PDB file of all heavy atoms in Angstrom:
ATOM      1  N   ASP A   1     181.625-132.940-109.603  1.00  0.00           N
ATOM      2  CA  ASP A   1     180.688-132.954-108.588  1.00  0.00           C
ATOM      3  C   ASP A   1     181.009-134.002-107.583  1.00  0.00           C
ATOM      4  O   ASP A   1     180.692-133.644-106.322  1.00  0.00           O
ATOM      5  CB  ASP A   1     179.336-133.518-109.184  1.00  0.00           C
ATOM      6  CG  ASP A   1     178.721-132.530-110.148  1.00  0.00           C
ATOM      7  OD1 ASP A   1     179.058-131.312-110.017  1.00  0.00           O
ATOM      8  OD2 ASP A   1     177.909-132.882-111.027  1.00  0.00           O
ATOM      9  N   TYR A   2     181.768-134.960-107.831  1.00  0.00           N
ATOM     10  CA  TYR A   2     181.979-136.115-106.927  1.00  0.00           C
ATOM     11  C   TYR A   2     183.395-136.166-106.404  1.00  0.00           C
ATOM     12  O   TYR A   2     183.712-137.166-105.603  1.00  0.00           O
ATOM     13  CB  TYR A   2     181.499-137.375-107.440  1.00  0.00           C
ATOM     14  CG  TYR A   2     179.961-137.433-107.592  1.00  0.00           C
ATOM     15  CD1 TYR A   2     179.378-137.184-108.685  1.00  0.00           C
ATOM     16  CD2 TYR A   2     179.311-137.768-106.422  1.00  0.00           C
ATOM     17  CE1 TYR A   2     177.945-137.199-108.863  1.00  0.00           C
ATOM     18  CE2 TYR A   2     177.851-137.806-106.476  1.00  0.00           C
ATOM     19  CZ  TYR A   2     177.238-137.522-107.669  1.00  0.00           C
ATOM     20  OH  TYR A   2     175.832-137.491-107.800  1.00  0.00           O
ATOM     21  N   GLY A   3     184.307-135.450-106.880  1.00  0.00           N
ATOM     22  CA  GLY A   3     185.697-135.654-106.487  1.00  0.00           C
ATOM     23  C   GLY A   3     186.589-134.601-106.816  1.00  0.00           C
ATOM     24  O   GLY A   3     186.356-133.738-107.680  1.00  0.00           O
ATOM     25  N   THR A   4     187.799-134.696-106.161  1.00  0.00           N
ATOM     26  CA  THR A   4     188.795-133.643-106.373  1.00  0.00           C
ATOM     27  C   THR A   4     189.982-134.311-107.159  1.00  0.00           C
ATOM     28  O   THR A   4     190.879-133.575-107.751  1.00  0.00           O
ATOM     29  CB  THR A   4     189.383-133.151-105.261  1.00  0.00           C
ATOM     30  OG1 THR A   4     189.792-134.164-104.259  1.00  0.00           O
ATOM     31  CG2 THR A   4     188.376-132.309-104.367  1.00  0.00           C
ATOM     32  N   ALA A   5     190.083-135.673-107.161  1.00  0.00           N
ATOM     33  CA  ALA A   5     191.125-136.224-107.837  1.00  0.00           C
ATOM     34  C   ALA A   5     190.663-137.593-108.222  1.00  0.00           C
ATOM     35  O   ALA A   5     189.653-138.177-107.687  1.00  0.00           O
ATOM     36  CB  ALA A   5     192.345-136.510-106.874  1.00  0.00           C
ATOM     37  N   VAL A   6     191.251-138.239-109.300  1.00  0.00           N
ATOM     38  CA  VAL A   6     190.932-139.561-109.847  1.00  0.00           C
ATOM     39  C   VAL A   6     192.296-140.244-109.835  1.00  0.00           C
ATOM     40  O   VAL A   6     193.157-139.797-110.289  1.00  0.00           O
ATOM     41  CB  VAL A   6     190.295-139.440-111.164  1.00  0.00           C
ATOM     42  CG1 VAL A   6     190.169-140.863-111.686  1.00  0.00           C
ATOM     43  CG2 VAL A   6     189.045-138.712-111.212  1.00  0.00           C
ATOM     44  N   ALA A   7     192.162-141.546-109.360  1.00  0.00           N
ATOM     45  CA  ALA A   7     193.359-142.374-109.315  1.00  0.00           C
ATOM     46  C   ALA A   7     193.157-143.758-109.988  1.00  0.00           C
ATOM     47  O   ALA A   7     192.054-144.217-110.084  1.00  0.00           O
ATOM     48  CB  ALA A   7     193.685-142.660-107.784  1.00  0.00           C
ATOM     49  N   TRP A   8     194.216-144.369-110.249  1.00  0.00           N
ATOM     50  CA  TRP A   8     194.298-145.831-110.688  1.00  0.00           C
ATOM     51  C   TRP A   8     194.987-146.601-109.750  1.00  0.00           C
ATOM     52  O   TRP A   8     196.139-146.203-109.254  1.00  0.00           O
ATOM     53  CB  TRP A   8     194.845-145.864-112.119  1.00  0.00           C
ATOM     54  CG  TRP A   8     194.091-145.318-113.276  1.00  0.00           C
ATOM     55  CD1 TRP A   8     194.200-144.158-113.779  1.00  0.00           C
ATOM     56  CD2 TRP A   8     193.059-145.960-113.896  1.00  0.00           C
ATOM     57  NE1 TRP A   8     193.296-143.959-114.865  1.00  0.00           N
ATOM     58  CE2 TRP A   8     192.578-145.122-114.899  1.00  0.00           C
ATOM     59  CE3 TRP A   8     192.500-147.243-113.962  1.00  0.00           C
ATOM     60  CZ2 TRP A   8     191.524-145.407-115.887  1.00  0.00           C
ATOM     61  CZ3 TRP A   8     191.496-147.672-114.848  1.00  0.00           C
ATOM     62  CH2 TRP A   8     191.097-146.791-115.738  1.00  0.00           C
ATOM     63  N   PHE A   9     194.391-147.711-109.400  1.00  0.00           N
ATOM     64  CA  PHE A   9     195.023-148.708-108.570  1.00  0.00           C
ATOM     65  C   PHE A   9     195.048-149.961-109.377  1.00  0.00           C
ATOM     66  O   PHE A   9     194.306-150.125-110.355  1.00  0.00           O
ATOM     67  CB  PHE A   9     194.267-148.930-107.240  1.00  0.00           C
ATOM     68  CG  PHE A   9     194.179-147.760-106.286  1.00  0.00           C
ATOM     69  CD1 PHE A   9     193.538-146.636-106.473  1.00  0.00           C
ATOM     70  CD2 PHE A   9     195.138-147.807-105.144  1.00  0.00           C
ATOM     71  CE1 PHE A   9     193.563-145.587-105.563  1.00  0.00           C
ATOM     72  CE2 PHE A   9     195.074-146.812-104.266  1.00  0.00           C
ATOM     73  CZ  PHE A   9     194.391-145.632-104.413  1.00  0.00           C
ATOM     74  N   ARG A  10     195.864-150.909-108.913  1.00  0.00           N
ATOM     75  CA  ARG A  10     195.710-152.257-109.575  1.00  0.00           C
ATOM     76  C   ARG A  10     196.015-153.364-108.439  1.00  0.00           C
ATOM     77  O   ARG A  10     196.619-153.197-107.574  1.00  0.00           O
ATOM     78  CB  ARG A  10     196.896-152.306-110.669  1.00  0.00           C
ATOM     79  CG  ARG A  10     198.299-152.263-110.099  1.00  0.00           C
ATOM     80  CD  ARG A  10     199.375-152.184-111.254  1.00  0.00           C
ATOM     81  NE  ARG A  10     200.722-152.157-110.805  1.00  0.00           N
ATOM     82  CZ  ARG A  10     201.733-151.963-111.534  1.00  0.00           C
ATOM     83  NH1 ARG A  10     201.563-151.762-112.852  1.00  0.00           N
ATOM     84  NH2 ARG A  10     203.028-151.805-111.011  1.00  0.00           N
ATOM     85  N   GLN A  11     195.470-154.520-108.984  1.00  0.00           N
ATOM     86  CA  GLN A  11     195.690-155.638-108.131  1.00  0.00           C
ATOM     87  C   GLN A  11     196.177-156.873-108.903  1.00  0.00           C
ATOM     88  O   GLN A  11     195.346-157.331-109.802  1.00  0.00           O
ATOM     89  CB  GLN A  11     194.400-155.982-107.428  1.00  0.00           C
ATOM     90  CG  GLN A  11     194.479-157.123-106.368  1.00  0.00           C
ATOM     91  CD  GLN A  11     193.344-157.214-105.347  1.00  0.00           C
ATOM     92  OE1 GLN A  11     192.182-156.785-105.678  1.00  0.00           O
ATOM     93  NE2 GLN A  11     193.535-157.887-104.268  1.00  0.00           N
ATOM     94  N   ALA A  12     197.357-157.288-108.648  1.00  0.00           N
ATOM     95  CA  ALA A  12     197.862-158.522-109.434  1.00  0.00           C
ATOM     96  C   ALA A  12     197.400-159.800-108.644  1.00  0.00           C
ATOM     97  O   ALA A  12     197.017-159.733-107.518  1.00  0.00           O
ATOM     98  CB  ALA A  12     199.438-158.380-109.385  1.00  0.00           C
ATOM     99  N   PRO A  13     197.389-160.903-109.415  1.00  0.00           N
ATOM    100  CA  PRO A  13     196.936-162.045-108.788  1.00  0.00           C
ATOM    101  C   PRO A  13     197.728-162.443-107.527  1.00  0.00           C
ATOM    102  O   PRO A  13     198.901-162.395-107.441  1.00  0.00           O
ATOM    103  CB  PRO A  13     197.209-163.102-109.778  1.00  0.00           C
ATOM    104  CG  PRO A  13     197.165-162.378-111.158  1.00  0.00           C
ATOM    105  CD  PRO A  13     197.706-160.931-110.854  1.00  0.00           C
ATOM    106  N   GLY A  14     196.970-162.785-106.432  1.00  0.00           N
ATOM    107  CA  GLY A  14     197.672-163.067-105.205  1.00  0.00           C
ATOM    108  C   GLY A  14     198.183-161.870-104.430  1.00  0.00           C
ATOM    109  O   GLY A  14     198.976-162.198-103.375  1.00  0.00           O
ATOM    110  N   LYS A  15     198.037-160.734-104.814  1.00  0.00           N
ATOM    111  CA  LYS A  15     198.692-159.633-104.123  1.00  0.00           C
ATOM    112  C   LYS A  15     197.621-158.581-103.744  1.00  0.00           C
ATOM    113  O   LYS A  15     196.523-158.681-104.140  1.00  0.00           O
ATOM    114  CB  LYS A  15     199.735-158.923-105.111  1.00  0.00           C
ATOM    115  CG  LYS A  15     200.906-159.796-105.357  1.00  0.00           C
ATOM    116  CD  LYS A  15     201.920-159.029-106.225  1.00  0.00           C
ATOM    117  CE  LYS A  15     203.153-159.793-106.537  1.00  0.00           C
ATOM    118  NZ  LYS A  15     204.220-158.989-107.332  1.00  0.00           N
ATOM    119  N   GLU A  16     198.041-157.688-102.828  1.00  0.00           N
ATOM    120  CA  GLU A  16     197.175-156.679-102.407  1.00  0.00           C
ATOM    121  C   GLU A  16     197.013-155.542-103.461  1.00  0.00           C
ATOM    122  O   GLU A  16     197.883-155.341-104.317  1.00  0.00           O
ATOM    123  CB  GLU A  16     197.465-156.032-101.104  1.00  0.00           C
ATOM    124  CG  GLU A  16     197.544-157.025-100.020  1.00  0.00           C
ATOM    125  CD  GLU A  16     197.798-156.307 -98.598  1.00  0.00           C
ATOM    126  OE1 GLU A  16     198.197-155.153 -98.646  1.00  0.00           O
ATOM    127  OE2 GLU A  16     197.709-156.963 -97.526  1.00  0.00           O
ATOM    128  N   ARG A  17     195.836-154.841-103.460  1.00  0.00           N
ATOM    129  CA  ARG A  17     195.675-153.683-104.372  1.00  0.00           C
ATOM    130  C   ARG A  17     196.762-152.565-103.999  1.00  0.00           C
ATOM    131  O   ARG A  17     196.969-152.348-102.922  1.00  0.00           O
ATOM    132  CB  ARG A  17     194.319-153.265-104.251  1.00  0.00           C
ATOM    133  CG  ARG A  17     193.973-152.192-105.439  1.00  0.00           C
ATOM    134  CD  ARG A  17     192.565-152.249-105.730  1.00  0.00           C
ATOM    135  NE  ARG A  17     191.695-151.854-104.591  1.00  0.00           N
ATOM    136  CZ  ARG A  17     190.406-151.910-104.507  1.00  0.00           C
ATOM    137  NH1 ARG A  17     189.615-152.204-105.633  1.00  0.00           N
ATOM    138  NH2 ARG A  17     189.655-151.633-103.426  1.00  0.00           N
ATOM    139  N   GLU A  18     197.328-152.035-105.123  1.00  0.00           N
ATOM    140  CA  GLU A  18     198.382-151.035-104.959  1.00  0.00           C
ATOM    141  C   GLU A  18     198.023-149.763-105.767  1.00  0.00           C
ATOM    142  O   GLU A  18     197.396-149.912-106.782  1.00  0.00           O
ATOM    143  CB  GLU A  18     199.738-151.515-105.251  1.00  0.00           C
ATOM    144  CG  GLU A  18     199.905-151.895-106.790  1.00  0.00           C
ATOM    145  CD  GLU A  18     201.341-152.197-107.129  1.00  0.00           C
ATOM    146  OE1 GLU A  18     202.290-152.211-106.222  1.00  0.00           O
ATOM    147  OE2 GLU A  18     201.550-152.557-108.301  1.00  0.00           O
ATOM    148  N   PHE A  19     198.609-148.618-105.312  1.00  0.00           N
ATOM    149  CA  PHE A  19     198.350-147.460-105.967  1.00  0.00           C
ATOM    150  C   PHE A  19     199.197-147.387-107.277  1.00  0.00           C
ATOM    151  O   PHE A  19     200.417-147.893-107.254  1.00  0.00           O
ATOM    152  CB  PHE A  19     198.786-146.241-105.071  1.00  0.00           C
ATOM    153  CG  PHE A  19     198.938-144.923-105.695  1.00  0.00           C
ATOM    154  CD1 PHE A  19     197.769-144.086-106.122  1.00  0.00           C
ATOM    155  CD2 PHE A  19     200.196-144.412-106.110  1.00  0.00           C
ATOM    156  CE1 PHE A  19     197.927-142.844-106.525  1.00  0.00           C
ATOM    157  CE2 PHE A  19     200.332-143.271-106.732  1.00  0.00           C
ATOM    158  CZ  PHE A  19     199.120-142.410-106.866  1.00  0.00           C
ATOM    159  N   VAL A  20     198.736-146.793-108.373  1.00  0.00           N
ATOM    160  CA  VAL A  20     199.388-146.544-109.563  1.00  0.00           C
ATOM    161  C   VAL A  20     199.550-145.107-109.959  1.00  0.00           C
ATOM    162  O   VAL A  20     200.841-144.676-109.969  1.00  0.00           O
ATOM    163  CB  VAL A  20     198.693-147.214-110.719  1.00  0.00           C
ATOM    164  CG1 VAL A  20     199.509-146.918-112.078  1.00  0.00           C
ATOM    165  CG2 VAL A  20     198.387-148.567-110.480  1.00  0.00           C
ATOM    166  N   SER A  21     198.613-144.303-109.938  1.00  0.00           N
ATOM    167  CA  SER A  21     198.703-142.911-110.296  1.00  0.00           C
ATOM    168  C   SER A  21     197.448-142.098-109.814  1.00  0.00           C
ATOM    169  O   SER A  21     196.391-142.812-109.846  1.00  0.00           O
ATOM    170  CB  SER A  21     198.917-142.768-111.815  1.00  0.00           C
ATOM    171  OG  SER A  21     199.089-141.432-112.216  1.00  0.00           O
ATOM    172  N   THR A  22     197.601-140.936-109.727  1.00  0.00           N
ATOM    173  CA  THR A  22     196.427-139.967-109.502  1.00  0.00           C
ATOM    174  C   THR A  22     196.722-138.632-110.148  1.00  0.00           C
ATOM    175  O   THR A  22     197.737-138.283-110.342  1.00  0.00           O
ATOM    176  CB  THR A  22     196.271-139.781-107.929  1.00  0.00           C
ATOM    177  OG1 THR A  22     194.958-139.206-107.673  1.00  0.00           O
ATOM    178  CG2 THR A  22     197.266-138.983-107.359  1.00  0.00           C
ATOM    179  N   ILE A  23     195.460-138.013-110.409  1.00  0.00           N
ATOM    180  CA  ILE A  23     195.496-136.657-111.043  1.00  0.00           C
ATOM    181  C   ILE A  23     194.534-135.788-110.470  1.00  0.00           C
ATOM    182  O   ILE A  23     193.466-136.235-110.130  1.00  0.00           O
ATOM    183  CB  ILE A  23     195.238-136.868-112.640  1.00  0.00           C
ATOM    184  CG1 ILE A  23     195.340-135.473-113.270  1.00  0.00           C
ATOM    185  CG2 ILE A  23     193.848-137.321-112.936  1.00  0.00           C
ATOM    186  CD1 ILE A  23     195.418-135.488-114.768  1.00  0.00           C
ATOM    187  N   SER A  24     194.980-134.541-110.094  1.00  0.00           N
ATOM    188  CA  SER A  24     194.108-133.566-109.481  1.00  0.00           C
ATOM    189  C   SER A  24     193.083-133.162-110.648  1.00  0.00           C
ATOM    190  O   SER A  24     193.432-132.654-111.650  1.00  0.00           O
ATOM    191  CB  SER A  24     194.725-132.459-108.996  1.00  0.00           C
ATOM    192  OG  SER A  24     193.987-131.314-108.714  1.00  0.00           O
ATOM    193  N   TRP A  25     191.722-133.247-110.248  1.00  0.00           N
ATOM    194  CA  TRP A  25     190.791-132.701-111.350  1.00  0.00           C
ATOM    195  C   TRP A  25     190.708-131.257-111.439  1.00  0.00           C
ATOM    196  O   TRP A  25     190.510-130.581-112.416  1.00  0.00           O
ATOM    197  CB  TRP A  25     189.342-133.097-110.871  1.00  0.00           C
ATOM    198  CG  TRP A  25     188.369-133.182-111.920  1.00  0.00           C
ATOM    199  CD1 TRP A  25     187.436-132.167-112.201  1.00  0.00           C
ATOM    200  CD2 TRP A  25     188.394-134.082-113.122  1.00  0.00           C
ATOM    201  NE1 TRP A  25     186.790-132.444-113.440  1.00  0.00           N
ATOM    202  CE2 TRP A  25     187.386-133.437-114.084  1.00  0.00           C
ATOM    203  CE3 TRP A  25     189.116-135.033-113.553  1.00  0.00           C
ATOM    204  CZ2 TRP A  25     187.057-134.137-115.195  1.00  0.00           C
ATOM    205  CZ3 TRP A  25     188.831-135.786-114.653  1.00  0.00           C
ATOM    206  CH2 TRP A  25     187.802-135.319-115.553  1.00  0.00           C
ATOM    207  N   ARG A  26     191.236-130.500-110.285  1.00  0.00           N
ATOM    208  CA  ARG A  26     191.258-129.091-110.360  1.00  0.00           C
ATOM    209  C   ARG A  26     192.434-128.451-111.154  1.00  0.00           C
ATOM    210  O   ARG A  26     192.207-127.691-111.940  1.00  0.00           O
ATOM    211  CB  ARG A  26     191.409-128.593-108.826  1.00  0.00           C
ATOM    212  CG  ARG A  26     191.452-127.166-108.697  1.00  0.00           C
ATOM    213  CD  ARG A  26     191.292-126.829-107.064  1.00  0.00           C
ATOM    214  NE  ARG A  26     192.230-127.657-106.317  1.00  0.00           N
ATOM    215  CZ  ARG A  26     193.546-127.387-106.068  1.00  0.00           C
ATOM    216  NH1 ARG A  26     193.982-126.152-106.660  1.00  0.00           N
ATOM    217  NH2 ARG A  26     194.237-127.969-105.360  1.00  0.00           N
ATOM    218  N   ASP A  27     193.646-128.899-110.915  1.00  0.00           N
ATOM    219  CA  ASP A  27     194.864-128.387-111.488  1.00  0.00           C
ATOM    220  C   ASP A  27     195.617-129.341-112.411  1.00  0.00           C
ATOM    221  O   ASP A  27     196.604-128.796-112.937  1.00  0.00           O
ATOM    222  CB  ASP A  27     195.710-127.649-110.521  1.00  0.00           C
ATOM    223  CG  ASP A  27     196.359-128.652-109.548  1.00  0.00           C
ATOM    224  OD1 ASP A  27     196.228-129.798-109.782  1.00  0.00           O
ATOM    225  OD2 ASP A  27     196.879-128.174-108.533  1.00  0.00           O
ATOM    226  N   GLY A  28     195.112-130.466-112.504  1.00  0.00           N
ATOM    227  CA  GLY A  28     195.978-131.371-113.361  1.00  0.00           C
ATOM    228  C   GLY A  28     197.189-131.914-112.868  1.00  0.00           C
ATOM    229  O   GLY A  28     197.950-132.699-113.518  1.00  0.00           O
ATOM    230  N   SER A  29     197.512-131.626-111.547  1.00  0.00           N
ATOM    231  CA  SER A  29     198.780-132.196-111.009  1.00  0.00           C
ATOM    232  C   SER A  29     198.702-133.734-110.915  1.00  0.00           C
ATOM    233  O   SER A  29     197.597-134.249-110.751  1.00  0.00           O
ATOM    234  CB  SER A  29     199.081-131.555-109.685  1.00  0.00           C
ATOM    235  OG  SER A  29     197.931-131.787-108.778  1.00  0.00           O
ATOM    236  N   THR A  30     199.835-134.325-111.108  1.00  0.00           N
ATOM    237  CA  THR A  30     199.756-135.842-111.163  1.00  0.00           C
ATOM    238  C   THR A  30     200.896-136.461-110.122  1.00  0.00           C
ATOM    239  O   THR A  30     201.822-135.724-109.748  1.00  0.00           O
ATOM    240  CB  THR A  30     200.201-136.340-112.571  1.00  0.00           C
ATOM    241  OG1 THR A  30     201.485-135.814-113.009  1.00  0.00           O
ATOM    242  CG2 THR A  30     199.162-135.844-113.508  1.00  0.00           C
ATOM    243  N   TYR A  31     200.687-137.750-109.897  1.00  0.00           N
ATOM    244  CA  TYR A  31     201.617-138.391-108.974  1.00  0.00           C
ATOM    245  C   TYR A  31     201.639-139.842-109.344  1.00  0.00           C
ATOM    246  O   TYR A  31     200.634-140.426-109.770  1.00  0.00           O
ATOM    247  CB  TYR A  31     201.153-138.332-107.533  1.00  0.00           C
ATOM    248  CG  TYR A  31     202.224-138.838-106.545  1.00  0.00           C
ATOM    249  CD1 TYR A  31     203.428-138.213-106.314  1.00  0.00           C
ATOM    250  CD2 TYR A  31     201.861-140.031-105.794  1.00  0.00           C
ATOM    251  CE1 TYR A  31     204.310-138.745-105.480  1.00  0.00           C
ATOM    252  CE2 TYR A  31     202.831-140.410-104.896  1.00  0.00           C
ATOM    253  CZ  TYR A  31     203.965-139.845-104.659  1.00  0.00           C
ATOM    254  OH  TYR A  31     204.915-140.322-103.851  1.00  0.00           O
TER     255      TYR A  31
END
């Protein structure tokens, strides 16, 4: 209902938040 993909990001101490991984809810493709 609310999205086409779900991602994980992370933020280490003293650093900016960065991308980790994403998955398409529609077809399961990943990055």
